Amino acid sequence: MKALKQLVVGEETKLRTMDAGETLAFQMEDGNVWTLDFEAGNLLRNNTCYETEGWKNVQNVIRDDLTEEGLR
């Protein structure tokens, strides 16, 4: 969450990718699931894509956590 809080969402972009998508899913205590969708590091929200800064940091944190858990 700390890495996500540092993610800066910028302007809308027309740059779209079909094969570089990632979804982060968070299950809340009440059972609801909250998701964030990214295409090549750009945030996808309501079928609109936004440039981001700091996506690489988010990926690094996820990779490190998966490695620590023996899942990578």
PDB file of N, CA and C in Angstrom:
ATOM      1  N   MET A   1       0.826  -1.192   0.000  1.00  0.00           N
ATOM      2  CA  MET A   1       0.000   0.000   0.000  1.00  0.00           C
ATOM      3  C   MET A   1       0.871   1.258   0.000  1.00  0.00           C
ATOM      4  N   LYS A   2       2.003   1.189   0.692  1.00  0.00           N
ATOM      5  CA  LYS A   2       2.886   2.354   0.740  1.00  0.00           C
ATOM      6  C   LYS A   2       3.367   2.717  -0.671  1.00  0.00           C
ATOM      7  N   ALA A   3       3.736   1.712  -1.465  1.00  0.00           N
ATOM      8  CA  ALA A   3       4.187   1.970  -2.836  1.00  0.00           C
ATOM      9  C   ALA A   3       3.047   2.540  -3.672  1.00  0.00           C
ATOM     10  N   LEU A   4       1.836   2.032  -3.485  1.00  0.00           N
ATOM     11  CA  LEU A   4       0.696   2.550  -4.241  1.00  0.00           C
ATOM     12  C   LEU A   4       0.389   3.993  -3.881  1.00  0.00           C
ATOM     13  N   LYS A   5       0.559   4.353  -2.621  1.00  0.00           N
ATOM     14  CA  LYS A   5       0.303   5.733  -2.199  1.00  0.00           C
ATOM     15  C   LYS A   5       1.271   6.706  -2.854  1.00  0.00           C
ATOM     16  N   GLN A   6       2.435   6.223  -3.261  1.00  0.00           N
ATOM     17  CA  GLN A   6       3.432   7.075  -3.899  1.00  0.00           C
ATOM     18  C   GLN A   6       3.248   7.146  -5.412  1.00  0.00           C
ATOM     19  N   LEU A   7       2.340   6.332  -5.945  1.00  0.00           N
ATOM     20  CA  LEU A   7       2.062   6.325  -7.375  1.00  0.00           C
ATOM     21  C   LEU A   7       1.390   7.645  -7.752  1.00  0.00           C
ATOM     22  N   VAL A   8       1.914   8.300  -8.780  1.00  0.00           N
ATOM     23  CA  VAL A   8       1.358   9.564  -9.246  1.00  0.00           C
ATOM     24  C   VAL A   8       0.594   9.302 -10.541  1.00  0.00           C
ATOM     25  N   VAL A   9      -0.690   9.628 -10.536  1.00  0.00           N
ATOM     26  CA  VAL A   9      -1.527   9.460 -11.721  1.00  0.00           C
ATOM     27  C   VAL A   9      -1.560  10.790 -12.464  1.00  0.00           C
ATOM     28  N   GLY A  10      -1.237  10.705 -13.765  1.00  0.00           N
ATOM     29  CA  GLY A  10      -1.152  11.920 -14.569  1.00  0.00           C
ATOM     30  C   GLY A  10      -2.306  12.064 -15.541  1.00  0.00           C
ATOM     31  N   GLU A  11      -1.965  12.585 -16.699  1.00  0.00           N
ATOM     32  CA  GLU A  11      -2.940  12.897 -17.734  1.00  0.00           C
ATOM     33  C   GLU A  11      -3.454  11.646 -18.428  1.00  0.00           C
ATOM     34  N   GLU A  12      -4.613  11.768 -19.041  1.00  0.00           N
ATOM     35  CA  GLU A  12      -5.165  10.699 -19.866  1.00  0.00           C
ATOM     36  C   GLU A  12      -4.220  10.440 -21.032  1.00  0.00           C
ATOM     37  N   THR A  13      -4.087   9.182 -21.402  1.00  0.00           N
ATOM     38  CA  THR A  13      -3.248   8.815 -22.529  1.00  0.00           C
ATOM     39  C   THR A  13      -4.039   7.941 -23.487  1.00  0.00           C
ATOM     40  N   LYS A  14      -3.757   8.077 -24.748  1.00  0.00           N
ATOM     41  CA  LYS A  14      -4.387   7.230 -25.767  1.00  0.00           C
ATOM     42  C   LYS A  14      -3.575   5.952 -25.984  1.00  0.00           C
ATOM     43  N   LEU A  15      -2.384   5.885 -25.391  1.00  0.00           N
ATOM     44  CA  LEU A  15      -1.528   4.708 -25.510  1.00  0.00           C
ATOM     45  C   LEU A  15      -2.158   3.539 -24.773  1.00  0.00           C
ATOM     46  N   ARG A  16      -2.484   2.475 -25.505  1.00  0.00           N
ATOM     47  CA  ARG A  16      -3.107   1.302 -24.922  1.00  0.00           C
ATOM     48  C   ARG A  16      -2.328   0.069 -25.329  1.00  0.00           C
ATOM     49  N   THR A  17      -2.356  -0.963 -24.484  1.00  0.00           N
ATOM     50  CA  THR A  17      -1.693  -2.221 -24.799  1.00  0.00           C
ATOM     51  C   THR A  17      -2.656  -3.370 -24.536  1.00  0.00           C
ATOM     52  N   MET A  18      -2.505  -4.407 -25.305  1.00  0.00           N
ATOM     53  CA  MET A  18      -3.377  -5.568 -25.140  1.00  0.00           C
ATOM     54  C   MET A  18      -2.695  -6.674 -24.348  1.00  0.00           C
ATOM     55  N   ASP A  19      -1.365  -6.682 -24.322  1.00  0.00           N
ATOM     56  CA  ASP A  19      -0.656  -7.820 -23.735  1.00  0.00           C
ATOM     57  C   ASP A  19       0.218  -7.457 -22.542  1.00  0.00           C
ATOM     58  N   ALA A  20       0.016  -6.304 -21.955  1.00  0.00           N
ATOM     59  CA  ALA A  20       0.839  -5.907 -20.809  1.00  0.00           C
ATOM     60  C   ALA A  20      -0.046  -5.435 -19.661  1.00  0.00           C
ATOM     61  N   GLY A  21      -1.135  -6.160 -19.418  1.00  0.00           N
ATOM     62  CA  GLY A  21      -2.058  -5.771 -18.367  1.00  0.00           C
ATOM     63  C   GLY A  21      -1.782  -6.480 -17.054  1.00  0.00           C
ATOM     64  N   GLU A  22      -2.021  -5.767 -15.978  1.00  0.00           N
ATOM     65  CA  GLU A  22      -1.878  -6.335 -14.641  1.00  0.00           C
ATOM     66  C   GLU A  22      -3.032  -5.818 -13.781  1.00  0.00           C
ATOM     67  N   THR A  23      -3.554  -6.688 -12.935  1.00  0.00           N
ATOM     68  CA  THR A  23      -4.618  -6.309 -12.016  1.00  0.00           C
ATOM     69  C   THR A  23      -4.173  -6.605 -10.600  1.00  0.00           C
ATOM     70  N   LEU A  24      -4.308  -5.621  -9.739  1.00  0.00           N
ATOM     71  CA  LEU A  24      -4.049  -5.807  -8.314  1.00  0.00           C
ATOM     72  C   LEU A  24      -5.408  -5.908  -7.634  1.00  0.00           C
ATOM     73  N   ALA A  25      -5.634  -6.952  -6.855  1.00  0.00           N
ATOM     74  CA  ALA A  25      -6.903  -7.156  -6.163  1.00  0.00           C
ATOM     75  C   ALA A  25      -6.662  -7.181  -4.659  1.00  0.00           C
ATOM     76  N   PHE A  26      -7.497  -6.456  -3.943  1.00  0.00           N
ATOM     77  CA  PHE A  26      -7.392  -6.372  -2.493  1.00  0.00           C
ATOM     78  C   PHE A  26      -8.722  -6.795  -1.888  1.00  0.00           C
ATOM     79  N   GLN A  27      -8.701  -7.805  -1.029  1.00  0.00           N
ATOM     80  CA  GLN A  27      -9.926  -8.222  -0.358  1.00  0.00           C
ATOM     81  C   GLN A  27     -10.002  -7.503   0.985  1.00  0.00           C
ATOM     82  N   MET A  28     -11.098  -6.801   1.184  1.00  0.00           N
ATOM     83  CA  MET A  28     -11.309  -6.038   2.405  1.00  0.00           C
ATOM     84  C   MET A  28     -11.878  -6.937   3.501  1.00  0.00           C
ATOM     85  N   GLU A  29     -11.816  -6.474   4.721  1.00  0.00           N
ATOM     86  CA  GLU A  29     -12.313  -7.251   5.858  1.00  0.00           C
ATOM     87  C   GLU A  29     -13.783  -7.607   5.716  1.00  0.00           C
ATOM     88  N   ASP A  30     -14.560  -6.732   5.037  1.00  0.00           N
ATOM     89  CA  ASP A  30     -15.993  -7.000   4.875  1.00  0.00           C
ATOM     90  C   ASP A  30     -16.288  -7.939   3.707  1.00  0.00           C
ATOM     91  N   GLY A  31     -15.232  -8.431   3.038  1.00  0.00           N
ATOM     92  CA  GLY A  31     -15.398  -9.359   1.932  1.00  0.00           C
ATOM     93  C   GLY A  31     -15.411  -8.710   0.559  1.00  0.00           C
ATOM     94  N   ASN A  32     -15.575  -7.404   0.509  1.00  0.00           N
ATOM     95  CA  ASN A  32     -15.533  -6.712  -0.772  1.00  0.00           C
ATOM     96  C   ASN A  32     -14.136  -6.793  -1.374  1.00  0.00           C
ATOM     97  N   VAL A  33     -14.067  -6.775  -2.700  1.00  0.00           N
ATOM     98  CA  VAL A  33     -12.791  -6.806  -3.402  1.00  0.00           C
ATOM     99  C   VAL A  33     -12.615  -5.489  -4.154  1.00  0.00           C
ATOM    100  N   TRP A  34     -11.455  -4.885  -3.974  1.00  0.00           N
ATOM    101  CA  TRP A  34     -11.102  -3.617  -4.599  1.00  0.00           C
ATOM    102  C   TRP A  34      -9.998  -3.915  -5.599  1.00  0.00           C
ATOM    103  N   THR A  35     -10.152  -3.475  -6.854  1.00  0.00           N
ATOM    104  CA  THR A  35      -9.153  -3.781  -7.875  1.00  0.00           C
ATOM    105  C   THR A  35      -8.616  -2.516  -8.525  1.00  0.00           C
ATOM    106  N   LEU A  36      -7.371  -2.611  -8.959  1.00  0.00           N
ATOM    107  CA  LEU A  36      -6.726  -1.593  -9.777  1.00  0.00           C
ATOM    108  C   LEU A  36      -6.191  -2.297 -11.014  1.00  0.00           C
ATOM    109  N   ASP A  37      -6.504  -1.760 -12.178  1.00  0.00           N
ATOM    110  CA  ASP A  37      -6.049  -2.342 -13.433  1.00  0.00           C
ATOM    111  C   ASP A  37      -5.028  -1.418 -14.083  1.00  0.00           C
ATOM    112  N   PHE A  38      -3.968  -2.034 -14.603  1.00  0.00           N
ATOM    113  CA  PHE A  38      -2.899  -1.293 -15.257  1.00  0.00           C
ATOM    114  C   PHE A  38      -2.608  -1.890 -16.615  1.00  0.00           C
ATOM    115  N   GLU A  39      -2.244  -1.035 -17.564  1.00  0.00           N
ATOM    116  CA  GLU A  39      -1.777  -1.461 -18.885  1.00  0.00           C
ATOM    117  C   GLU A  39      -0.408  -0.834 -19.091  1.00  0.00           C
ATOM    118  N   ALA A  40       0.618  -1.668 -19.153  1.00  0.00           N
ATOM    119  CA  ALA A  40       1.999  -1.195 -19.315  1.00  0.00           C
ATOM    120  C   ALA A  40       2.328  -0.111 -18.286  1.00  0.00           C
ATOM    121  N   GLY A  41       1.811  -0.272 -17.082  1.00  0.00           N
ATOM    122  CA  GLY A  41       2.082   0.672 -16.002  1.00  0.00           C
ATOM    123  C   GLY A  41       1.146   1.854 -15.947  1.00  0.00           C
ATOM    124  N   ASN A  42       0.278   2.005 -16.931  1.00  0.00           N
ATOM    125  CA  ASN A  42      -0.700   3.094 -16.922  1.00  0.00           C
ATOM    126  C   ASN A  42      -1.991   2.607 -16.278  1.00  0.00           C
ATOM    127  N   LEU A  43      -2.597   3.447 -15.451  1.00  0.00           N
ATOM    128  CA  LEU A  43      -3.817   3.097 -14.745  1.00  0.00           C
ATOM    129  C   LEU A  43      -4.990   3.077 -15.706  1.00  0.00           C
ATOM    130  N   LEU A  44      -5.772   2.015 -15.658  1.00  0.00           N
ATOM    131  CA  LEU A  44      -6.977   1.897 -16.467  1.00  0.00           C
ATOM    132  C   LEU A  44      -8.175   2.034 -15.544  1.00  0.00           C
ATOM    133  N   ARG A  45      -8.981   3.041 -15.777  1.00  0.00           N
ATOM    134  CA  ARG A  45     -10.150   3.294 -14.922  1.00  0.00           C
ATOM    135  C   ARG A  45     -11.318   3.704 -15.801  1.00  0.00           C
ATOM    136  N   ASN A  46     -12.429   2.983 -15.704  1.00  0.00           N
ATOM    137  CA  ASN A  46     -13.627   3.269 -16.499  1.00  0.00           C
ATOM    138  C   ASN A  46     -13.306   3.365 -17.984  1.00  0.00           C
ATOM    139  N   ASN A  47     -12.485   2.432 -18.469  1.00  0.00           N
ATOM    140  CA  ASN A  47     -12.085   2.328 -19.877  1.00  0.00           C
ATOM    141  C   ASN A  47     -11.271   3.529 -20.371  1.00  0.00           C
ATOM    142  N   THR A  48     -10.703   4.287 -19.449  1.00  0.00           N
ATOM    143  CA  THR A  48      -9.809   5.393 -19.781  1.00  0.00           C
ATOM    144  C   THR A  48      -8.455   5.088 -19.163  1.00  0.00           C
ATOM    145  N   CYS A  49      -7.389   5.346 -19.915  1.00  0.00           N
ATOM    146  CA  CYS A  49      -6.041   5.042 -19.460  1.00  0.00           C
ATOM    147  C   CYS A  49      -5.334   6.342 -19.053  1.00  0.00           C
ATOM    148  N   TYR A  50      -4.621   6.294 -17.917  1.00  0.00           N
ATOM    149  CA  TYR A  50      -3.919   7.464 -17.388  1.00  0.00           C
ATOM    150  C   TYR A  50      -2.448   7.135 -17.182  1.00  0.00           C
ATOM    151  N   GLU A  51      -1.589   8.060 -17.559  1.00  0.00           N
ATOM    152  CA  GLU A  51      -0.151   7.898 -17.327  1.00  0.00           C
ATOM    153  C   GLU A  51       0.110   7.828 -15.827  1.00  0.00           C
ATOM    154  N   THR A  52       1.138   7.089 -15.445  1.00  0.00           N
ATOM    155  CA  THR A  52       1.527   7.038 -14.036  1.00  0.00           C
ATOM    156  C   THR A  52       3.034   7.223 -13.902  1.00  0.00           C
ATOM    157  N   GLU A  53       3.430   7.671 -12.731  1.00  0.00           N
ATOM    158  CA  GLU A  53       4.836   7.711 -12.344  1.00  0.00           C
ATOM    159  C   GLU A  53       4.956   6.874 -11.083  1.00  0.00           C
ATOM    160  N   GLY A  54       5.947   6.005 -11.053  1.00  0.00           N
ATOM    161  CA  GLY A  54       6.181   5.190  -9.867  1.00  0.00           C
ATOM    162  C   GLY A  54       5.706   3.761  -9.997  1.00  0.00           C
ATOM    163  N   TRP A  55       5.209   3.358 -11.172  1.00  0.00           N
ATOM    164  CA  TRP A  55       4.728   1.986 -11.342  1.00  0.00           C
ATOM    165  C   TRP A  55       5.831   0.971 -11.122  1.00  0.00           C
ATOM    166  N   LYS A  56       7.040   1.298 -11.567  1.00  0.00           N
ATOM    167  CA  LYS A  56       8.166   0.371 -11.408  1.00  0.00           C
ATOM    168  C   LYS A  56       8.400   0.067  -9.919  1.00  0.00           C
ATOM    169  N   ASN A  57       8.245   1.070  -9.062  1.00  0.00           N
ATOM    170  CA  ASN A  57       8.396   0.852  -7.618  1.00  0.00           C
ATOM    171  C   ASN A  57       7.353  -0.124  -7.097  1.00  0.00           C
ATOM    172  N   VAL A  58       6.115  -0.014  -7.579  1.00  0.00           N
ATOM    173  CA  VAL A  58       5.049  -0.927  -7.170  1.00  0.00           C
ATOM    174  C   VAL A  58       5.404  -2.348  -7.610  1.00  0.00           C
ATOM    175  N   GLN A  59       5.858  -2.506  -8.846  1.00  0.00           N
ATOM    176  CA  GLN A  59       6.250  -3.825  -9.343  1.00  0.00           C
ATOM    177  C   GLN A  59       7.380  -4.422  -8.514  1.00  0.00           C
ATOM    178  N   ASN A  60       8.346  -3.605  -8.139  1.00  0.00           N
ATOM    179  CA  ASN A  60       9.471  -4.096  -7.335  1.00  0.00           C
ATOM    180  C   ASN A  60       9.009  -4.598  -5.966  1.00  0.00           C
ATOM    181  N   VAL A  61       8.103  -3.883  -5.331  1.00  0.00           N
ATOM    182  CA  VAL A  61       7.585  -4.297  -4.026  1.00  0.00           C
ATOM    183  C   VAL A  61       6.842  -5.622  -4.155  1.00  0.00           C
ATOM    184  N   ILE A  62       6.012  -5.751  -5.193  1.00  0.00           N
ATOM    185  CA  ILE A  62       5.268  -6.993  -5.415  1.00  0.00           C
ATOM    186  C   ILE A  62       6.234  -8.145  -5.664  1.00  0.00           C
ATOM    187  N   ARG A  63       7.222  -7.931  -6.517  1.00  0.00           N
ATOM    188  CA  ARG A  63       8.205  -8.976  -6.815  1.00  0.00           C
ATOM    189  C   ARG A  63       8.941  -9.402  -5.545  1.00  0.00           C
ATOM    190  N   ASP A  64       9.374  -8.443  -4.746  1.00  0.00           N
ATOM    191  CA  ASP A  64      10.095  -8.756  -3.509  1.00  0.00           C
ATOM    192  C   ASP A  64       9.220  -9.546  -2.535  1.00  0.00           C
ATOM    193  N   ASP A  65       7.947  -9.163  -2.409  1.00  0.00           N
ATOM    194  CA  ASP A  65       7.032  -9.874  -1.521  1.00  0.00           C
ATOM    195  C   ASP A  65       6.801 -11.303  -1.995  1.00  0.00           C
ATOM    196  N   LEU A  66       6.629 -11.480  -3.300  1.00  0.00           N
ATOM    197  CA  LEU A  66       6.417 -12.813  -3.839  1.00  0.00           C
ATOM    198  C   LEU A  66       7.647 -13.686  -3.629  1.00  0.00           C
ATOM    199  N   THR A  67       8.824 -13.097  -3.804  1.00  0.00           N
ATOM    200  CA  THR A  67      10.074 -13.838  -3.599  1.00  0.00           C
ATOM    201  C   THR A  67      10.196 -14.269  -2.144  1.00  0.00           C
ATOM    202  N   GLU A  68       9.886 -13.362  -1.206  1.00  0.00           N
ATOM    203  CA  GLU A  68       9.952 -13.684   0.223  1.00  0.00           C
ATOM    204  C   GLU A  68       9.002 -14.824   0.585  1.00  0.00           C
ATOM    205  N   GLU A  69       7.854 -14.869  -0.101  1.00  0.00           N
ATOM    206  CA  GLU A  69       6.860 -15.911   0.164  1.00  0.00           C
ATOM    207  C   GLU A  69       7.164 -17.207  -0.573  1.00  0.00           C
ATOM    208  N   GLY A  70       8.232 -17.200  -1.381  1.00  0.00           N
ATOM    209  CA  GLY A  70       8.590 -18.387  -2.143  1.00  0.00           C
ATOM    210  C   GLY A  70       7.683 -18.640  -3.334  1.00  0.00           C
ATOM    211  N   LEU A  71       7.006 -17.603  -3.784  1.00  0.00           N
ATOM    212  CA  LEU A  71       6.057 -17.740  -4.892  1.00  0.00           C
ATOM    213  C   LEU A  71       6.637 -17.296  -6.219  1.00  0.00           C
ATOM    214  N   ARG A  72       7.866 -16.937  -6.233  1.00  0.00           N
ATOM    215  CA  ARG A  72       8.465 -16.478  -7.474  1.00  0.00           C
ATOM    216  C   ARG A  72       9.749 -17.198  -7.710  1.00  0.00           C
TER     217      ARG A  72
END
